PDB file of all heavy atoms in Angstrom:
ATOM      1  N   LYS A   1      46.728 -21.684  -9.978  1.00  0.00           N
ATOM      2  CA  LYS A   1      47.769 -21.533 -11.089  1.00  0.00           C
ATOM      3  C   LYS A   1      49.220 -21.575 -10.573  1.00  0.00           C
ATOM      4  O   LYS A   1      50.024 -21.410 -11.331  1.00  0.00           O
ATOM      5  CB  LYS A   1      47.536 -20.186 -11.790  1.00  0.00           C
ATOM      6  CG  LYS A   1      46.217 -20.157 -12.541  1.00  0.00           C
ATOM      7  CD  LYS A   1      46.063 -18.752 -13.302  1.00  0.00           C
ATOM      8  CE  LYS A   1      44.748 -18.698 -14.096  1.00  0.00           C
ATOM      9  NZ  LYS A   1      44.513 -17.397 -14.679  1.00  0.00           N
ATOM     10  N   TYR A   2      49.355 -21.808  -9.227  1.00  0.00           N
ATOM     11  CA  TYR A   2      50.598 -21.812  -8.712  1.00  0.00           C
ATOM     12  C   TYR A   2      51.652 -22.814  -9.378  1.00  0.00           C
ATOM     13  O   TYR A   2      52.791 -22.403  -9.688  1.00  0.00           O
ATOM     14  CB  TYR A   2      50.662 -22.057  -7.195  1.00  0.00           C
ATOM     15  CG  TYR A   2      52.012 -22.053  -6.630  1.00  0.00           C
ATOM     16  CD1 TYR A   2      52.896 -20.991  -6.586  1.00  0.00           C
ATOM     17  CD2 TYR A   2      52.446 -23.224  -5.937  1.00  0.00           C
ATOM     18  CE1 TYR A   2      54.082 -21.042  -6.023  1.00  0.00           C
ATOM     19  CE2 TYR A   2      53.766 -23.336  -5.309  1.00  0.00           C
ATOM     20  CZ  TYR A   2      54.572 -22.204  -5.512  1.00  0.00           C
ATOM     21  OH  TYR A   2      55.901 -22.343  -4.869  1.00  0.00           O
ATOM     22  N   PRO A   3      51.239 -24.040  -9.619  1.00  0.00           N
ATOM     23  CA  PRO A   3      52.189 -24.910 -10.268  1.00  0.00           C
ATOM     24  C   PRO A   3      52.658 -24.474 -11.623  1.00  0.00           C
ATOM     25  O   PRO A   3      53.779 -24.754 -12.023  1.00  0.00           O
ATOM     26  CB  PRO A   3      51.319 -26.292 -10.247  1.00  0.00           C
ATOM     27  CG  PRO A   3      50.407 -26.266  -9.118  1.00  0.00           C
ATOM     28  CD  PRO A   3      50.010 -24.705  -9.159  1.00  0.00           C
ATOM     29  N   GLU A   4      51.753 -23.855 -12.284  1.00  0.00           N
ATOM     30  CA  GLU A   4      52.087 -23.244 -13.583  1.00  0.00           C
ATOM     31  C   GLU A   4      53.016 -22.118 -13.539  1.00  0.00           C
ATOM     32  O   GLU A   4      53.962 -22.005 -14.241  1.00  0.00           O
ATOM     33  CB  GLU A   4      50.800 -22.866 -14.398  1.00  0.00           C
ATOM     34  CG  GLU A   4      50.856 -22.152 -15.733  1.00  0.00           C
ATOM     35  CD  GLU A   4      49.709 -21.751 -16.184  1.00  0.00           C
ATOM     36  OE1 GLU A   4      48.546 -22.145 -15.872  1.00  0.00           O
ATOM     37  OE2 GLU A   4      49.573 -20.725 -16.939  1.00  0.00           O
ATOM     38  N   LYS A   5      52.753 -21.233 -12.522  1.00  0.00           N
ATOM     39  CA  LYS A   5      53.769 -20.182 -12.299  1.00  0.00           C
ATOM     40  C   LYS A   5      55.184 -20.698 -11.784  1.00  0.00           C
ATOM     41  O   LYS A   5      56.139 -20.123 -12.344  1.00  0.00           O
ATOM     42  CB  LYS A   5      53.037 -19.307 -11.191  1.00  0.00           C
ATOM     43  CG  LYS A   5      53.946 -18.093 -10.724  1.00  0.00           C
ATOM     44  CD  LYS A   5      53.135 -17.426  -9.505  1.00  0.00           C
ATOM     45  CE  LYS A   5      54.076 -16.248  -9.007  1.00  0.00           C
ATOM     46  NZ  LYS A   5      53.348 -15.542  -7.851  1.00  0.00           N
ATOM     47  N   PHE A   6      55.045 -21.616 -11.030  1.00  0.00           N
ATOM     48  CA  PHE A   6      56.324 -22.263 -10.498  1.00  0.00           C
ATOM     49  C   PHE A   6      57.059 -22.927 -11.700  1.00  0.00           C
ATOM     50  O   PHE A   6      58.356 -22.639 -11.847  1.00  0.00           O
ATOM     51  CB  PHE A   6      56.099 -23.342  -9.542  1.00  0.00           C
ATOM     52  CG  PHE A   6      57.138 -24.195  -9.077  1.00  0.00           C
ATOM     53  CD1 PHE A   6      57.877 -23.797  -7.970  1.00  0.00           C
ATOM     54  CD2 PHE A   6      57.472 -25.347  -9.697  1.00  0.00           C
ATOM     55  CE1 PHE A   6      58.952 -24.587  -7.466  1.00  0.00           C
ATOM     56  CE2 PHE A   6      58.506 -26.142  -9.256  1.00  0.00           C
ATOM     57  CZ  PHE A   6      59.301 -25.726  -8.199  1.00  0.00           C
ATOM     58  N   ALA A   7      56.463 -23.677 -12.588  1.00  0.00           N
ATOM     59  CA  ALA A   7      57.069 -24.196 -13.704  1.00  0.00           C
ATOM     60  C   ALA A   7      57.710 -23.188 -14.648  1.00  0.00           C
ATOM     61  O   ALA A   7      58.741 -23.493 -15.343  1.00  0.00           O
ATOM     62  CB  ALA A   7      56.243 -25.062 -14.538  1.00  0.00           C
ATOM     63  N   ALA A   8      57.130 -22.155 -14.773  1.00  0.00           N
ATOM     64  CA  ALA A   8      57.615 -21.028 -15.683  1.00  0.00           C
ATOM     65  C   ALA A   8      58.955 -20.476 -15.194  1.00  0.00           C
ATOM     66  O   ALA A   8      59.632 -19.702 -16.037  1.00  0.00           O
ATOM     67  CB  ALA A   8      56.510 -19.973 -15.837  1.00  0.00           C
ATOM     68  N   ALA A   9      59.226 -20.583 -13.890  1.00  0.00           N
ATOM     69  CA  ALA A   9      60.547 -20.016 -13.327  1.00  0.00           C
ATOM     70  C   ALA A   9      61.509 -21.181 -13.004  1.00  0.00           C
ATOM     71  O   ALA A   9      62.235 -21.049 -12.066  1.00  0.00           O
ATOM     72  CB  ALA A   9      60.224 -19.180 -12.323  1.00  0.00           C
ATOM     73  N   LYS A  10      61.558 -22.271 -13.719  1.00  0.00           N
ATOM     74  CA  LYS A  10      62.361 -23.358 -13.409  1.00  0.00           C
ATOM     75  C   LYS A  10      63.804 -23.073 -13.296  1.00  0.00           C
ATOM     76  O   LYS A  10      64.580 -23.624 -12.550  1.00  0.00           O
ATOM     77  CB  LYS A  10      61.989 -24.593 -14.437  1.00  0.00           C
ATOM     78  CG  LYS A  10      62.358 -25.951 -13.887  1.00  0.00           C
ATOM     79  CD  LYS A  10      61.435 -26.323 -12.690  1.00  0.00           C
ATOM     80  CE  LYS A  10      61.629 -27.774 -12.352  1.00  0.00           C
ATOM     81  NZ  LYS A  10      60.858 -28.149 -11.186  1.00  0.00           N
ATOM     82  N   ASP A  11      64.314 -22.135 -14.066  1.00  0.00           N
ATOM     83  CA  ASP A  11      65.666 -21.752 -14.080  1.00  0.00           C
ATOM     84  C   ASP A  11      66.112 -21.148 -12.616  1.00  0.00           C
ATOM     85  O   ASP A  11      67.187 -21.421 -12.238  1.00  0.00           O
ATOM     86  CB  ASP A  11      66.067 -20.752 -15.133  1.00  0.00           C
ATOM     87  CG  ASP A  11      66.080 -21.349 -16.515  1.00  0.00           C
ATOM     88  OD1 ASP A  11      66.125 -22.596 -16.622  1.00  0.00           O
ATOM     89  OD2 ASP A  11      66.175 -20.606 -17.468  1.00  0.00           O
ATOM     90  N   MET A  12      65.088 -20.469 -11.961  1.00  0.00           N
ATOM     91  CA  MET A  12      65.384 -20.016 -10.753  1.00  0.00           C
ATOM     92  C   MET A  12      65.215 -21.172  -9.649  1.00  0.00           C
ATOM     93  O   MET A  12      66.102 -21.110  -8.699  1.00  0.00           O
ATOM     94  CB  MET A  12      64.419 -18.818 -10.375  1.00  0.00           C
ATOM     95  CG  MET A  12      64.639 -18.207  -8.985  1.00  0.00           C
ATOM     96  SD  MET A  12      63.493 -16.851  -8.609  1.00  0.00           S
ATOM     97  CE  MET A  12      62.068 -17.872  -8.066  1.00  0.00           C
ATOM     98  N   TYR A  13      64.337 -21.962  -9.713  1.00  0.00           N
ATOM     99  CA  TYR A  13      64.055 -22.948  -8.692  1.00  0.00           C
ATOM    100  C   TYR A  13      64.982 -24.155  -8.821  1.00  0.00           C
ATOM    101  O   TYR A  13      65.267 -24.816  -7.774  1.00  0.00           O
ATOM    102  CB  TYR A  13      62.604 -23.468  -8.731  1.00  0.00           C
ATOM    103  CG  TYR A  13      61.499 -22.505  -8.420  1.00  0.00           C
ATOM    104  CD1 TYR A  13      60.843 -21.729  -9.345  1.00  0.00           C
ATOM    105  CD2 TYR A  13      61.398 -22.117  -7.132  1.00  0.00           C
ATOM    106  CE1 TYR A  13      59.847 -20.846  -8.976  1.00  0.00           C
ATOM    107  CE2 TYR A  13      60.529 -21.124  -6.653  1.00  0.00           C
ATOM    108  CZ  TYR A  13      59.714 -20.447  -7.618  1.00  0.00           C
ATOM    109  OH  TYR A  13      58.749 -19.478  -7.236  1.00  0.00           O
ATOM    110  N   GLY A  14      65.426 -24.450 -10.089  1.00  0.00           N
ATOM    111  CA  GLY A  14      66.333 -25.637 -10.103  1.00  0.00           C
ATOM    112  C   GLY A  14      65.483 -27.002 -10.348  1.00  0.00           C
ATOM    113  O   GLY A  14      64.323 -27.067 -10.100  1.00  0.00           O
ATOM    114  N   ASP A  15      66.189 -27.988 -10.976  1.00  0.00           N
ATOM    115  CA  ASP A  15      65.507 -29.171 -11.328  1.00  0.00           C
ATOM    116  C   ASP A  15      65.064 -30.052 -10.118  1.00  0.00           C
ATOM    117  O   ASP A  15      64.141 -30.901 -10.324  1.00  0.00           O
ATOM    118  CB  ASP A  15      66.511 -30.026 -12.184  1.00  0.00           C
ATOM    119  CG  ASP A  15      66.843 -29.427 -13.540  1.00  0.00           C
ATOM    120  OD1 ASP A  15      65.926 -28.694 -14.023  1.00  0.00           O
ATOM    121  OD2 ASP A  15      67.925 -29.734 -14.057  1.00  0.00           O
ATOM    122  N   LYS A  16      65.507 -29.787  -8.891  1.00  0.00           N
ATOM    123  CA  LYS A  16      65.101 -30.665  -7.779  1.00  0.00           C
ATOM    124  C   LYS A  16      63.969 -30.118  -7.012  1.00  0.00           C
ATOM    125  O   LYS A  16      63.386 -30.772  -6.273  1.00  0.00           O
ATOM    126  CB  LYS A  16      66.340 -30.771  -6.794  1.00  0.00           C
ATOM    127  CG  LYS A  16      67.510 -31.508  -7.312  1.00  0.00           C
ATOM    128  CD  LYS A  16      68.651 -31.458  -6.340  1.00  0.00           C
ATOM    129  CE  LYS A  16      69.355 -30.100  -6.152  1.00  0.00           C
ATOM    130  NZ  LYS A  16      70.464 -30.026  -5.203  1.00  0.00           N
ATOM    131  N   ALA A  17      63.617 -28.912  -7.332  1.00  0.00           N
ATOM    132  CA  ALA A  17      62.468 -28.215  -6.682  1.00  0.00           C
ATOM    133  C   ALA A  17      61.204 -28.772  -7.011  1.00  0.00           C
ATOM    134  O   ALA A  17      60.954 -29.273  -8.186  1.00  0.00           O
ATOM    135  CB  ALA A  17      62.549 -26.712  -6.992  1.00  0.00           C
ATOM    136  N   VAL A  18      60.240 -28.716  -6.172  1.00  0.00           N
ATOM    137  CA  VAL A  18      58.852 -29.223  -6.318  1.00  0.00           C
ATOM    138  C   VAL A  18      57.949 -28.196  -5.782  1.00  0.00           C
ATOM    139  O   VAL A  18      58.178 -27.334  -4.977  1.00  0.00           O
ATOM    140  CB  VAL A  18      58.619 -30.575  -5.705  1.00  0.00           C
ATOM    141  CG1 VAL A  18      59.521 -31.732  -6.292  1.00  0.00           C
ATOM    142  CG2 VAL A  18      58.878 -30.527  -4.193  1.00  0.00           C
ATOM    143  N   ALA A  19      56.553 -28.233  -6.254  1.00  0.00           N
ATOM    144  CA  ALA A  19      55.528 -27.358  -5.763  1.00  0.00           C
ATOM    145  C   ALA A  19      54.253 -28.102  -5.684  1.00  0.00           C
ATOM    146  O   ALA A  19      53.910 -29.041  -6.287  1.00  0.00           O
ATOM    147  CB  ALA A  19      55.462 -26.216  -6.805  1.00  0.00           C
ATOM    148  N   GLY A  20      53.409 -27.679  -4.651  1.00  0.00           N
ATOM    149  CA  GLY A  20      52.080 -28.147  -4.354  1.00  0.00           C
ATOM    150  C   GLY A  20      51.370 -27.243  -3.504  1.00  0.00           C
ATOM    151  O   GLY A  20      51.554 -26.036  -3.486  1.00  0.00           O
ATOM    152  N   PHE A  21      50.439 -27.833  -2.705  1.00  0.00           N
ATOM    153  CA  PHE A  21      49.466 -26.988  -1.855  1.00  0.00           C
ATOM    154  C   PHE A  21      49.504 -27.451  -0.499  1.00  0.00           C
ATOM    155  O   PHE A  21      49.922 -28.594  -0.192  1.00  0.00           O
ATOM    156  CB  PHE A  21      48.059 -27.135  -2.499  1.00  0.00           C
ATOM    157  CG  PHE A  21      47.925 -26.605  -3.869  1.00  0.00           C
ATOM    158  CD1 PHE A  21      47.766 -27.396  -5.017  1.00  0.00           C
ATOM    159  CD2 PHE A  21      48.049 -25.199  -4.220  1.00  0.00           C
ATOM    160  CE1 PHE A  21      47.717 -27.060  -6.180  1.00  0.00           C
ATOM    161  CE2 PHE A  21      47.853 -24.773  -5.471  1.00  0.00           C
ATOM    162  CZ  PHE A  21      47.841 -25.580  -6.457  1.00  0.00           C
ATOM    163  N   ILE A  22      49.135 -26.554   0.386  1.00  0.00           N
ATOM    164  CA  ILE A  22      48.914 -26.924   1.849  1.00  0.00           C
ATOM    165  C   ILE A  22      47.634 -26.275   2.236  1.00  0.00           C
ATOM    166  O   ILE A  22      47.388 -25.080   1.798  1.00  0.00           O
ATOM    167  CB  ILE A  22      50.095 -26.439   2.680  1.00  0.00           C
ATOM    168  CG1 ILE A  22      50.134 -27.069   4.081  1.00  0.00           C
ATOM    169  CG2 ILE A  22      50.125 -24.912   2.772  1.00  0.00           C
ATOM    170  CD1 ILE A  22      51.412 -26.988   4.840  1.00  0.00           C
ATOM    171  N   PRO A  23      46.729 -26.937   2.976  1.00  0.00           N
ATOM    172  CA  PRO A  23      46.834 -28.261   3.433  1.00  0.00           C
ATOM    173  C   PRO A  23      46.990 -29.305   2.278  1.00  0.00           C
ATOM    174  O   PRO A  23      46.423 -29.139   1.266  1.00  0.00           O
ATOM    175  CB  PRO A  23      45.562 -28.623   4.177  1.00  0.00           C
ATOM    176  CG  PRO A  23      45.036 -27.107   4.604  1.00  0.00           C
ATOM    177  CD  PRO A  23      45.484 -26.318   3.492  1.00  0.00           C
ATOM    178  N   LEU A  24      47.734 -30.380   2.624  1.00  0.00           N
ATOM    179  CA  LEU A  24      48.078 -31.315   1.525  1.00  0.00           C
ATOM    180  C   LEU A  24      47.048 -31.962   0.912  1.00  0.00           C
ATOM    181  O   LEU A  24      46.962 -32.380  -0.198  1.00  0.00           O
ATOM    182  CB  LEU A  24      49.166 -32.244   2.075  1.00  0.00           C
ATOM    183  CG  LEU A  24      50.529 -31.565   2.592  1.00  0.00           C
ATOM    184  CD1 LEU A  24      51.331 -32.709   3.121  1.00  0.00           C
ATOM    185  CD2 LEU A  24      51.145 -30.869   1.698  1.00  0.00           C
ATOM    186  N   ARG A  25      46.022 -32.401   1.756  1.00  0.00           N
ATOM    187  CA  ARG A  25      44.787 -33.109   1.250  1.00  0.00           C
ATOM    188  C   ARG A  25      45.203 -34.356   0.475  1.00  0.00           C
ATOM    189  O   ARG A  25      44.653 -34.694  -0.505  1.00  0.00           O
ATOM    190  CB  ARG A  25      43.958 -32.212   0.278  1.00  0.00           C
ATOM    191  CG  ARG A  25      43.491 -30.894   0.970  1.00  0.00           C
ATOM    192  CD  ARG A  25      42.585 -31.163   2.164  1.00  0.00           C
ATOM    193  NE  ARG A  25      42.373 -29.991   2.926  1.00  0.00           N
ATOM    194  CZ  ARG A  25      41.204 -29.196   2.688  1.00  0.00           C
ATOM    195  NH1 ARG A  25      40.350 -29.433   1.837  1.00  0.00           N
ATOM    196  NH2 ARG A  25      41.109 -28.115   3.494  1.00  0.00           N
ATOM    197  N   GLY A  26      46.242 -35.092   1.053  1.00  0.00           N
ATOM    198  CA  GLY A  26      46.626 -36.348   0.457  1.00  0.00           C
ATOM    199  C   GLY A  26      47.649 -36.229  -0.782  1.00  0.00           C
ATOM    200  O   GLY A  26      48.104 -37.214  -1.179  1.00  0.00           O
ATOM    201  N   GLU A  27      47.972 -35.006  -0.989  1.00  0.00           N
ATOM    202  CA  GLU A  27      48.928 -34.820  -2.114  1.00  0.00           C
ATOM    203  C   GLU A  27      50.430 -35.016  -1.673  1.00  0.00           C
ATOM    204  O   GLU A  27      50.826 -34.331  -0.762  1.00  0.00           O
ATOM    205  CB  GLU A  27      48.835 -33.363  -2.851  1.00  0.00           C
ATOM    206  CG  GLU A  27      47.411 -33.195  -3.257  1.00  0.00           C
ATOM    207  CD  GLU A  27      47.131 -31.678  -3.584  1.00  0.00           C
ATOM    208  OE1 GLU A  27      48.174 -30.869  -3.685  1.00  0.00           O
ATOM    209  OE2 GLU A  27      45.994 -31.255  -3.784  1.00  0.00           O
ATOM    210  N   ALA A  28      51.111 -35.899  -2.258  1.00  0.00           N
ATOM    211  CA  ALA A  28      52.501 -36.226  -1.991  1.00  0.00           C
ATOM    212  C   ALA A  28      53.472 -35.325  -2.625  1.00  0.00           C
ATOM    213  O   ALA A  28      54.095 -35.545  -3.610  1.00  0.00           O
ATOM    214  CB  ALA A  28      52.898 -37.670  -2.200  1.00  0.00           C
ATOM    215  N   VAL A  29      53.611 -34.061  -2.086  1.00  0.00           N
ATOM    216  CA  VAL A  29      54.505 -33.044  -2.674  1.00  0.00           C
ATOM    217  C   VAL A  29      55.923 -33.418  -2.470  1.00  0.00           C
ATOM    218  O   VAL A  29      56.704 -33.274  -3.441  1.00  0.00           O
ATOM    219  CB  VAL A  29      54.215 -31.636  -2.066  1.00  0.00           C
ATOM    220  CG1 VAL A  29      55.072 -30.561  -2.666  1.00  0.00           C
ATOM    221  CG2 VAL A  29      52.780 -31.209  -2.367  1.00  0.00           C
ATOM    222  N   THR A  30      56.181 -33.960  -1.315  1.00  0.00           N
ATOM    223  CA  THR A  30      57.630 -34.437  -0.997  1.00  0.00           C
ATOM    224  C   THR A  30      57.460 -35.416   0.061  1.00  0.00           C
ATOM    225  O   THR A  30      56.426 -35.319   0.764  1.00  0.00           O
ATOM    226  CB  THR A  30      58.499 -33.217  -0.614  1.00  0.00           C
ATOM    227  OG1 THR A  30      59.788 -33.735  -0.604  1.00  0.00           O
ATOM    228  CG2 THR A  30      58.164 -32.589   0.645  1.00  0.00           C
ATOM    229  N   ALA A  31      58.386 -36.268   0.331  1.00  0.00           N
ATOM    230  CA  ALA A  31      58.305 -37.319   1.152  1.00  0.00           C
ATOM    231  C   ALA A  31      58.299 -36.843   2.584  1.00  0.00           C
ATOM    232  O   ALA A  31      58.888 -35.823   2.955  1.00  0.00           O
ATOM    233  CB  ALA A  31      59.545 -38.335   1.135  1.00  0.00           C
ATOM    234  N   PRO A  32      57.487 -37.463   3.517  1.00  0.00           N
ATOM    235  CA  PRO A  32      57.435 -37.098   4.874  1.00  0.00           C
ATOM    236  C   PRO A  32      58.794 -37.309   5.507  1.00  0.00           C
ATOM    237  O   PRO A  32      59.643 -38.133   5.085  1.00  0.00           O
ATOM    238  CB  PRO A  32      56.442 -38.276   5.601  1.00  0.00           C
ATOM    239  CG  PRO A  32      55.685 -38.657   4.445  1.00  0.00           C
ATOM    240  CD  PRO A  32      56.503 -38.576   3.279  1.00  0.00           C
ATOM    241  N   GLY A  33      59.174 -36.372   6.401  1.00  0.00           N
ATOM    242  CA  GLY A  33      60.452 -36.303   7.024  1.00  0.00           C
ATOM    243  C   GLY A  33      61.696 -35.961   6.184  1.00  0.00           C
ATOM    244  O   GLY A  33      62.777 -36.259   6.510  1.00  0.00           O
ATOM    245  N   SER A  34      61.349 -35.223   5.133  1.00  0.00           N
ATOM    246  CA  SER A  34      62.481 -34.977   4.184  1.00  0.00           C
ATOM    247  C   SER A  34      62.872 -33.462   4.173  1.00  0.00           C
ATOM    248  O   SER A  34      63.728 -32.972   3.420  1.00  0.00           O
ATOM    249  CB  SER A  34      61.955 -35.243   2.676  1.00  0.00           C
ATOM    250  OG  SER A  34      60.885 -34.424   2.306  1.00  0.00           O
TER     251      SER A  34
END
């Protein structure tokens, strides 16, 4: 439920923020080297 919890607090995180999981298991949460 973490992505849902994250989305519910978007005012705190800001529009540029992203959320996902680790280990990544192929999920491109943010670009490598960023």
